[in-house]
């Protein structure tokens, strides 16, 4: 990986894409937290011509096959001269990152989602079950990346 000393980026916007809470049929007094499961997904869209990277984390709380909470958010990062930071090799279907900004963006997006879920669930029993912390390396490894010209 070649180093570049001057790469500027900023968080341009945050948009909540989805937020649903479906707990009305849950018997809170008999809630078995061992049955609570979490599913998460991270998707990244690199838009080379727009000098932007969109990162969309999603989380789903499942209880006995039922979705209790689902939330997703899209963070739009603007990068000055994205092509200087990321080179796409279409022939070999690879990405050469001269500046590895993806871990920072993925971590920021997931932590933002955690905060949104915290606020969304703060008034209900799910507040006792915060979105799990996940190592950045795991998030990046499971990140689905799409590239647009």
N, C-alpha and C. Protein backbone atom coordinates (compact mmCIF):
# COMPACT_ATOMS: atom_id res chain seq x y z
N UNK A 1 0.85 -1.17 0.00
CA UNK A 1 0.00 0.00 0.00
C UNK A 1 0.90 1.24 0.00
N UNK A 2 0.70 2.10 -0.99
CA UNK A 2 1.46 3.33 -1.11
C UNK A 2 0.84 4.40 -0.23
N UNK A 3 1.64 5.17 0.47
CA UNK A 3 1.13 6.20 1.37
C UNK A 3 0.99 7.54 0.66
N UNK A 4 -0.07 8.22 0.96
CA UNK A 4 -0.29 9.59 0.52
C UNK A 4 -0.44 10.41 1.78
N UNK A 5 0.24 11.52 1.86
CA UNK A 5 0.21 12.27 3.11
C UNK A 5 -0.98 13.22 3.21
N UNK A 6 -1.50 13.69 2.09
CA UNK A 6 -2.59 14.67 2.14
C UNK A 6 -3.85 14.13 1.47
N UNK A 7 -4.71 13.56 2.24
CA UNK A 7 -6.03 13.15 1.74
C UNK A 7 -7.05 13.75 2.68
N UNK A 8 -7.96 14.48 2.11
CA UNK A 8 -8.98 15.14 2.92
C UNK A 8 -10.32 14.46 2.70
N UNK A 9 -11.02 14.25 3.80
CA UNK A 9 -12.37 13.70 3.70
C UNK A 9 -13.21 14.29 4.82
N UNK A 10 -14.51 14.17 4.64
CA UNK A 10 -15.44 14.66 5.66
C UNK A 10 -16.73 13.86 5.59
N UNK A 11 -17.42 13.84 6.71
CA UNK A 11 -18.75 13.24 6.74
C UNK A 11 -19.72 14.28 6.21
N UNK A 12 -20.27 14.03 5.02
CA UNK A 12 -21.14 15.01 4.36
C UNK A 12 -22.58 14.93 4.84
N UNK A 13 -23.07 13.71 5.13
CA UNK A 13 -24.46 13.60 5.58
C UNK A 13 -24.71 12.25 6.24
N UNK A 14 -25.77 12.24 7.04
CA UNK A 14 -26.26 11.02 7.68
C UNK A 14 -27.75 10.97 7.42
N UNK A 15 -28.21 9.86 6.86
CA UNK A 15 -29.63 9.69 6.60
C UNK A 15 -30.11 8.38 7.20
N UNK A 16 -31.14 8.46 8.03
CA UNK A 16 -31.73 7.24 8.55
C UNK A 16 -32.60 6.66 7.45
N UNK A 17 -32.27 5.45 7.06
CA UNK A 17 -32.98 4.83 5.96
C UNK A 17 -34.19 4.04 6.44
N UNK A 18 -34.02 3.34 7.56
CA UNK A 18 -35.10 2.50 8.06
C UNK A 18 -35.03 2.45 9.58
N UNK A 19 -36.20 2.45 10.19
CA UNK A 19 -36.27 2.27 11.64
C UNK A 19 -37.65 1.74 11.99
N UNK A 20 -37.68 0.49 12.42
CA UNK A 20 -38.95 -0.09 12.83
C UNK A 20 -38.79 -0.73 14.21
N UNK A 21 -39.84 -0.63 14.98
CA UNK A 21 -39.88 -1.21 16.31
C UNK A 21 -41.20 -1.97 16.41
N UNK A 22 -41.12 -3.27 16.68
CA UNK A 22 -42.31 -4.11 16.67
C UNK A 22 -42.31 -4.98 17.94
N UNK A 23 -42.71 -4.38 19.06
CA UNK A 23 -42.62 -5.09 20.33
C UNK A 23 -43.97 -5.23 21.04
N UNK A 24 -45.03 -4.83 20.40
CA UNK A 24 -46.33 -4.80 21.07
C UNK A 24 -46.82 -6.18 21.52
N UNK A 25 -46.40 -7.27 20.88
CA UNK A 25 -46.87 -8.61 21.25
C UNK A 25 -45.91 -9.35 22.18
N UNK A 26 -44.89 -8.67 22.68
CA UNK A 26 -43.88 -9.32 23.51
C UNK A 26 -44.29 -9.26 24.98
N UNK A 27 -44.26 -10.41 25.62
CA UNK A 27 -44.52 -10.49 27.06
C UNK A 27 -43.20 -10.18 27.78
N UNK A 28 -43.06 -8.93 28.18
CA UNK A 28 -41.80 -8.45 28.77
C UNK A 28 -41.47 -9.19 30.06
N UNK A 29 -42.48 -9.56 30.84
CA UNK A 29 -42.24 -10.24 32.11
C UNK A 29 -41.63 -11.63 31.91
N UNK A 30 -41.88 -12.24 30.77
CA UNK A 30 -41.36 -13.58 30.49
C UNK A 30 -40.33 -13.58 29.36
N UNK A 31 -39.74 -12.45 29.12
CA UNK A 31 -38.77 -12.31 28.04
C UNK A 31 -37.51 -13.11 28.36
N UNK A 32 -37.15 -14.02 27.48
CA UNK A 32 -35.96 -14.85 27.65
C UNK A 32 -34.85 -14.27 26.77
N UNK A 33 -33.92 -13.54 27.39
CA UNK A 33 -32.90 -12.86 26.60
C UNK A 33 -31.97 -13.82 25.86
N UNK A 34 -31.98 -15.10 26.23
CA UNK A 34 -31.18 -16.08 25.50
C UNK A 34 -31.74 -16.32 24.10
N UNK A 35 -32.98 -15.95 23.90
CA UNK A 35 -33.63 -16.11 22.59
C UNK A 35 -33.43 -14.88 21.69
N UNK A 36 -32.83 -13.83 22.24
CA UNK A 36 -32.60 -12.61 21.47
C UNK A 36 -31.36 -12.77 20.60
N UNK A 37 -31.50 -12.53 19.31
CA UNK A 37 -30.40 -12.65 18.36
C UNK A 37 -30.23 -11.31 17.63
N UNK A 38 -29.02 -11.10 17.16
CA UNK A 38 -28.71 -9.88 16.41
C UNK A 38 -28.18 -10.28 15.03
N UNK A 39 -28.63 -9.58 14.01
CA UNK A 39 -28.08 -9.73 12.67
C UNK A 39 -27.63 -8.35 12.22
N UNK A 40 -26.44 -8.28 11.66
CA UNK A 40 -25.96 -7.00 11.16
C UNK A 40 -25.41 -7.18 9.75
N UNK A 41 -25.37 -6.06 9.04
CA UNK A 41 -24.85 -6.06 7.68
C UNK A 41 -24.22 -4.70 7.43
N UNK A 42 -23.13 -4.69 6.69
CA UNK A 42 -22.49 -3.44 6.29
C UNK A 42 -22.33 -3.48 4.77
N UNK A 43 -22.77 -2.42 4.11
CA UNK A 43 -22.60 -2.29 2.67
C UNK A 43 -21.92 -0.97 2.37
N UNK A 44 -21.01 -0.99 1.41
CA UNK A 44 -20.30 0.23 1.02
C UNK A 44 -20.42 0.41 -0.48
N UNK A 45 -20.75 1.62 -0.88
CA UNK A 45 -20.82 2.00 -2.29
C UNK A 45 -19.78 3.08 -2.53
N UNK A 46 -18.80 2.77 -3.36
CA UNK A 46 -17.76 3.73 -3.72
C UNK A 46 -18.15 4.36 -5.05
N UNK A 47 -18.38 5.66 -5.02
CA UNK A 47 -18.79 6.40 -6.22
C UNK A 47 -17.61 7.25 -6.69
N UNK A 48 -16.83 6.67 -7.58
CA UNK A 48 -15.59 7.31 -8.01
C UNK A 48 -15.82 8.68 -8.64
N UNK A 49 -16.77 8.80 -9.54
CA UNK A 49 -16.98 10.08 -10.24
C UNK A 49 -17.52 11.17 -9.33
N UNK A 50 -18.15 10.79 -8.24
CA UNK A 50 -18.70 11.78 -7.29
C UNK A 50 -17.77 12.05 -6.12
N UNK A 51 -16.66 11.31 -6.04
CA UNK A 51 -15.73 11.44 -4.92
C UNK A 51 -16.42 11.19 -3.58
N UNK A 52 -17.29 10.18 -3.56
CA UNK A 52 -18.01 9.86 -2.33
C UNK A 52 -17.95 8.36 -2.04
N UNK A 53 -18.07 8.06 -0.78
CA UNK A 53 -18.22 6.68 -0.32
C UNK A 53 -19.43 6.66 0.61
N UNK A 54 -20.41 5.84 0.26
CA UNK A 54 -21.61 5.67 1.09
C UNK A 54 -21.46 4.38 1.88
N UNK A 55 -21.66 4.46 3.18
CA UNK A 55 -21.58 3.27 4.03
C UNK A 55 -22.94 3.10 4.71
N UNK A 56 -23.50 1.89 4.55
CA UNK A 56 -24.83 1.60 5.10
C UNK A 56 -24.76 0.41 6.04
N UNK A 57 -24.75 0.67 7.34
CA UNK A 57 -24.87 -0.43 8.30
C UNK A 57 -26.34 -0.68 8.63
N UNK A 58 -26.66 -1.93 8.89
CA UNK A 58 -28.03 -2.32 9.26
C UNK A 58 -27.94 -3.28 10.44
N UNK A 59 -28.97 -3.23 11.29
CA UNK A 59 -29.06 -4.14 12.43
C UNK A 59 -30.50 -4.64 12.55
N UNK A 60 -30.62 -5.87 12.98
CA UNK A 60 -31.94 -6.46 13.20
C UNK A 60 -31.89 -7.22 14.52
N UNK A 61 -32.86 -6.95 15.39
CA UNK A 61 -33.02 -7.70 16.64
C UNK A 61 -34.11 -8.74 16.39
N UNK A 62 -33.77 -10.00 16.59
CA UNK A 62 -34.73 -11.09 16.38
C UNK A 62 -35.01 -11.79 17.69
N UNK A 63 -36.27 -12.14 17.88
CA UNK A 63 -36.68 -12.88 19.08
C UNK A 63 -37.68 -13.93 18.64
N UNK A 64 -37.31 -15.19 18.80
CA UNK A 64 -38.18 -16.31 18.40
C UNK A 64 -38.68 -16.12 16.97
N UNK A 65 -37.75 -15.83 16.05
CA UNK A 65 -38.05 -15.69 14.62
C UNK A 65 -38.79 -14.39 14.26
N UNK A 66 -39.07 -13.55 15.21
CA UNK A 66 -39.79 -12.30 14.96
C UNK A 66 -38.80 -11.13 15.02
N UNK A 67 -38.94 -10.20 14.08
CA UNK A 67 -38.10 -9.01 14.09
C UNK A 67 -38.69 -7.99 15.05
N UNK A 68 -37.94 -7.69 16.12
CA UNK A 68 -38.39 -6.71 17.11
C UNK A 68 -37.98 -5.29 16.73
N UNK A 69 -36.77 -5.16 16.24
CA UNK A 69 -36.23 -3.86 15.88
C UNK A 69 -35.39 -4.02 14.64
N UNK A 70 -35.53 -3.07 13.73
CA UNK A 70 -34.70 -3.06 12.54
C UNK A 70 -34.35 -1.62 12.24
N UNK A 71 -33.08 -1.40 11.97
CA UNK A 71 -32.64 -0.03 11.72
C UNK A 71 -31.47 -0.03 10.74
N UNK A 72 -31.45 0.99 9.89
CA UNK A 72 -30.32 1.17 8.98
C UNK A 72 -30.14 2.67 8.74
N UNK A 73 -28.92 3.01 8.41
CA UNK A 73 -28.54 4.40 8.22
C UNK A 73 -27.53 4.45 7.07
N UNK A 74 -27.48 5.57 6.36
CA UNK A 74 -26.50 5.75 5.29
C UNK A 74 -25.66 6.97 5.63
N UNK A 75 -24.35 6.74 5.71
CA UNK A 75 -23.41 7.84 5.93
C UNK A 75 -22.71 8.13 4.61
N UNK A 76 -22.69 9.39 4.24
CA UNK A 76 -22.09 9.84 2.99
C UNK A 76 -20.79 10.56 3.32
N UNK A 77 -19.68 9.96 2.90
CA UNK A 77 -18.37 10.56 3.12
C UNK A 77 -17.89 11.17 1.81
N UNK A 78 -17.43 12.39 1.87
CA UNK A 78 -16.87 13.09 0.72
C UNK A 78 -15.35 13.06 0.84
N UNK A 79 -14.70 12.66 -0.25
CA UNK A 79 -13.24 12.53 -0.25
C UNK A 79 -12.69 13.39 -1.38
N UNK A 80 -11.80 14.31 -1.04
CA UNK A 80 -11.13 15.08 -2.08
C UNK A 80 -10.24 14.13 -2.88
N UNK A 81 -10.45 14.11 -4.18
CA UNK A 81 -9.64 13.29 -5.09
C UNK A 81 -9.64 11.82 -4.69
N UNK A 82 -10.80 11.22 -4.72
CA UNK A 82 -10.96 9.81 -4.35
C UNK A 82 -10.04 8.89 -5.15
N UNK A 83 -9.83 9.21 -6.41
CA UNK A 83 -8.98 8.35 -7.25
C UNK A 83 -7.53 8.33 -6.80
N UNK A 84 -7.12 9.31 -6.00
CA UNK A 84 -5.76 9.29 -5.44
C UNK A 84 -5.69 8.37 -4.23
N UNK A 85 -6.82 8.10 -3.61
CA UNK A 85 -6.86 7.23 -2.43
C UNK A 85 -7.18 5.79 -2.78
N UNK A 86 -8.01 5.59 -3.81
CA UNK A 86 -8.46 4.25 -4.18
C UNK A 86 -8.33 4.08 -5.69
N UNK A 87 -7.66 3.02 -6.10
CA UNK A 87 -7.52 2.69 -7.52
C UNK A 87 -8.25 1.38 -7.76
N UNK A 88 -9.14 1.39 -8.75
CA UNK A 88 -9.94 0.22 -9.08
C UNK A 88 -9.33 -0.47 -10.30
N UNK A 89 -9.04 -1.74 -10.15
CA UNK A 89 -8.55 -2.56 -11.25
C UNK A 89 -9.74 -3.41 -11.72
N UNK A 90 -10.44 -2.94 -12.75
CA UNK A 90 -11.65 -3.63 -13.22
C UNK A 90 -11.34 -5.00 -13.80
N UNK A 91 -10.21 -5.10 -14.48
CA UNK A 91 -9.85 -6.35 -15.12
C UNK A 91 -9.67 -7.47 -14.10
N UNK A 92 -8.99 -7.19 -13.01
CA UNK A 92 -8.76 -8.19 -11.97
C UNK A 92 -9.77 -8.12 -10.83
N UNK A 93 -10.71 -7.18 -10.93
CA UNK A 93 -11.75 -6.97 -9.93
C UNK A 93 -11.16 -6.81 -8.53
N UNK A 94 -10.20 -5.88 -8.43
CA UNK A 94 -9.57 -5.59 -7.14
C UNK A 94 -9.55 -4.09 -6.89
N UNK A 95 -9.36 -3.76 -5.63
CA UNK A 95 -9.24 -2.37 -5.20
C UNK A 95 -7.88 -2.20 -4.55
N UNK A 96 -7.15 -1.21 -4.99
CA UNK A 96 -5.87 -0.87 -4.37
C UNK A 96 -6.08 0.40 -3.57
N UNK A 97 -6.01 0.29 -2.25
CA UNK A 97 -6.20 1.46 -1.41
C UNK A 97 -4.85 2.06 -1.06
N UNK A 98 -4.63 3.25 -1.57
CA UNK A 98 -3.40 3.97 -1.25
C UNK A 98 -3.50 4.60 0.13
N UNK A 99 -4.72 4.95 0.50
CA UNK A 99 -5.03 5.45 1.84
C UNK A 99 -6.21 4.63 2.32
N UNK A 100 -6.03 3.90 3.40
CA UNK A 100 -7.06 2.98 3.86
C UNK A 100 -8.07 3.69 4.76
N UNK A 101 -9.03 4.35 4.12
CA UNK A 101 -10.05 5.10 4.85
C UNK A 101 -11.24 4.23 5.22
N UNK A 102 -11.39 3.07 4.59
CA UNK A 102 -12.57 2.25 4.82
C UNK A 102 -12.76 1.82 6.28
N UNK A 103 -11.72 1.40 7.00
CA UNK A 103 -11.96 1.06 8.41
C UNK A 103 -12.54 2.22 9.22
N UNK A 104 -12.05 3.41 8.98
CA UNK A 104 -12.57 4.59 9.68
C UNK A 104 -14.03 4.82 9.33
N UNK A 105 -14.36 4.74 8.05
CA UNK A 105 -15.73 4.99 7.61
C UNK A 105 -16.69 3.92 8.12
N UNK A 106 -16.30 2.66 8.03
CA UNK A 106 -17.15 1.55 8.48
C UNK A 106 -17.38 1.64 9.99
N UNK A 107 -16.33 1.90 10.74
CA UNK A 107 -16.44 2.02 12.19
C UNK A 107 -17.35 3.19 12.58
N UNK A 108 -17.15 4.32 11.93
CA UNK A 108 -17.99 5.50 12.20
C UNK A 108 -19.45 5.21 11.90
N UNK A 109 -19.71 4.56 10.79
CA UNK A 109 -21.09 4.25 10.40
C UNK A 109 -21.75 3.30 11.38
N UNK A 110 -21.03 2.24 11.77
CA UNK A 110 -21.62 1.27 12.70
C UNK A 110 -21.87 1.92 14.07
N UNK A 111 -20.93 2.72 14.54
CA UNK A 111 -21.12 3.40 15.83
C UNK A 111 -22.27 4.40 15.78
N UNK A 112 -22.45 5.05 14.64
CA UNK A 112 -23.59 5.95 14.47
C UNK A 112 -24.90 5.17 14.57
N UNK A 113 -24.93 4.01 13.91
CA UNK A 113 -26.12 3.16 13.99
C UNK A 113 -26.38 2.72 15.43
N UNK A 114 -25.33 2.37 16.16
CA UNK A 114 -25.49 1.97 17.56
C UNK A 114 -26.15 3.09 18.36
N UNK A 115 -25.74 4.33 18.12
CA UNK A 115 -26.32 5.47 18.81
C UNK A 115 -27.79 5.66 18.46
N UNK A 116 -28.11 5.51 17.19
CA UNK A 116 -29.50 5.65 16.75
C UNK A 116 -30.38 4.57 17.39
N UNK A 117 -29.88 3.34 17.43
CA UNK A 117 -30.64 2.26 18.05
C UNK A 117 -30.81 2.52 19.55
N UNK A 118 -29.77 3.03 20.18
CA UNK A 118 -29.87 3.35 21.61
C UNK A 118 -31.00 4.36 21.86
N UNK A 119 -31.03 5.42 21.09
CA UNK A 119 -32.09 6.43 21.26
C UNK A 119 -33.45 5.84 20.94
N UNK A 120 -33.52 5.06 19.87
CA UNK A 120 -34.79 4.48 19.43
C UNK A 120 -35.36 3.51 20.47
N UNK A 121 -34.49 2.80 21.18
CA UNK A 121 -34.96 1.78 22.13
C UNK A 121 -34.91 2.24 23.58
N UNK A 122 -34.55 3.48 23.83
CA UNK A 122 -34.33 3.95 25.20
C UNK A 122 -35.58 3.95 26.07
N UNK A 123 -36.73 4.02 25.47
CA UNK A 123 -37.98 4.08 26.24
C UNK A 123 -38.66 2.71 26.42
N UNK A 124 -38.04 1.66 25.88
CA UNK A 124 -38.66 0.34 25.94
C UNK A 124 -37.68 -0.68 26.53
N UNK A 125 -38.14 -1.86 26.79
CA UNK A 125 -37.32 -2.88 27.45
C UNK A 125 -36.06 -3.24 26.66
N UNK A 126 -36.03 -2.99 25.36
CA UNK A 126 -34.85 -3.30 24.55
C UNK A 126 -33.65 -2.43 24.92
N UNK A 127 -33.88 -1.39 25.69
CA UNK A 127 -32.77 -0.54 26.12
C UNK A 127 -31.75 -1.34 26.95
N UNK A 128 -32.18 -2.46 27.51
CA UNK A 128 -31.27 -3.32 28.28
C UNK A 128 -30.34 -4.13 27.38
N UNK A 129 -30.58 -4.07 26.06
CA UNK A 129 -29.84 -4.90 25.11
C UNK A 129 -29.26 -4.02 23.99
N UNK A 130 -28.18 -3.31 24.32
CA UNK A 130 -27.60 -2.43 23.30
C UNK A 130 -27.05 -3.22 22.12
N UNK A 131 -26.94 -2.56 21.00
CA UNK A 131 -26.35 -3.17 19.81
C UNK A 131 -24.94 -3.64 20.17
N UNK A 132 -24.60 -4.87 19.82
CA UNK A 132 -23.29 -5.40 20.21
C UNK A 132 -22.12 -4.60 19.62
N UNK A 133 -21.05 -4.54 20.37
CA UNK A 133 -19.81 -3.96 19.85
C UNK A 133 -19.14 -5.04 18.99
N UNK A 134 -18.61 -4.62 17.86
CA UNK A 134 -17.94 -5.55 16.94
C UNK A 134 -16.61 -4.94 16.55
N UNK A 135 -15.58 -5.75 16.54
CA UNK A 135 -14.26 -5.26 16.17
C UNK A 135 -14.28 -4.70 14.76
N UNK A 136 -13.55 -3.61 14.56
CA UNK A 136 -13.49 -2.96 13.25
C UNK A 136 -13.03 -3.94 12.18
N UNK A 137 -12.06 -4.77 12.49
CA UNK A 137 -11.56 -5.73 11.51
C UNK A 137 -12.67 -6.67 11.03
N UNK A 138 -13.52 -7.08 11.93
CA UNK A 138 -14.63 -7.96 11.57
C UNK A 138 -15.63 -7.22 10.69
N UNK A 139 -15.94 -5.98 11.04
CA UNK A 139 -16.86 -5.19 10.23
C UNK A 139 -16.32 -4.99 8.82
N UNK A 140 -15.04 -4.67 8.72
CA UNK A 140 -14.43 -4.44 7.40
C UNK A 140 -14.40 -5.74 6.60
N UNK A 141 -14.10 -6.84 7.25
CA UNK A 141 -14.03 -8.13 6.57
C UNK A 141 -15.40 -8.54 6.01
N UNK A 142 -16.46 -8.22 6.72
CA UNK A 142 -17.80 -8.61 6.30
C UNK A 142 -18.50 -7.54 5.46
N UNK A 143 -17.78 -6.49 5.16
CA UNK A 143 -18.30 -5.35 4.41
C UNK A 143 -18.46 -5.73 2.93
N UNK A 144 -19.66 -5.53 2.40
CA UNK A 144 -19.91 -5.75 0.97
C UNK A 144 -19.64 -4.46 0.21
N UNK A 145 -18.72 -4.50 -0.74
CA UNK A 145 -18.32 -3.29 -1.46
C UNK A 145 -18.78 -3.33 -2.90
N UNK A 146 -19.40 -2.24 -3.34
CA UNK A 146 -19.80 -2.03 -4.73
C UNK A 146 -19.14 -0.76 -5.23
N UNK A 147 -18.72 -0.77 -6.49
CA UNK A 147 -18.04 0.39 -7.05
C UNK A 147 -18.80 0.89 -8.28
N UNK A 148 -19.01 2.21 -8.30
CA UNK A 148 -19.59 2.87 -9.47
C UNK A 148 -18.55 3.81 -10.05
N UNK A 149 -18.56 3.93 -11.39
CA UNK A 149 -17.65 4.90 -12.03
C UNK A 149 -18.08 6.31 -11.74
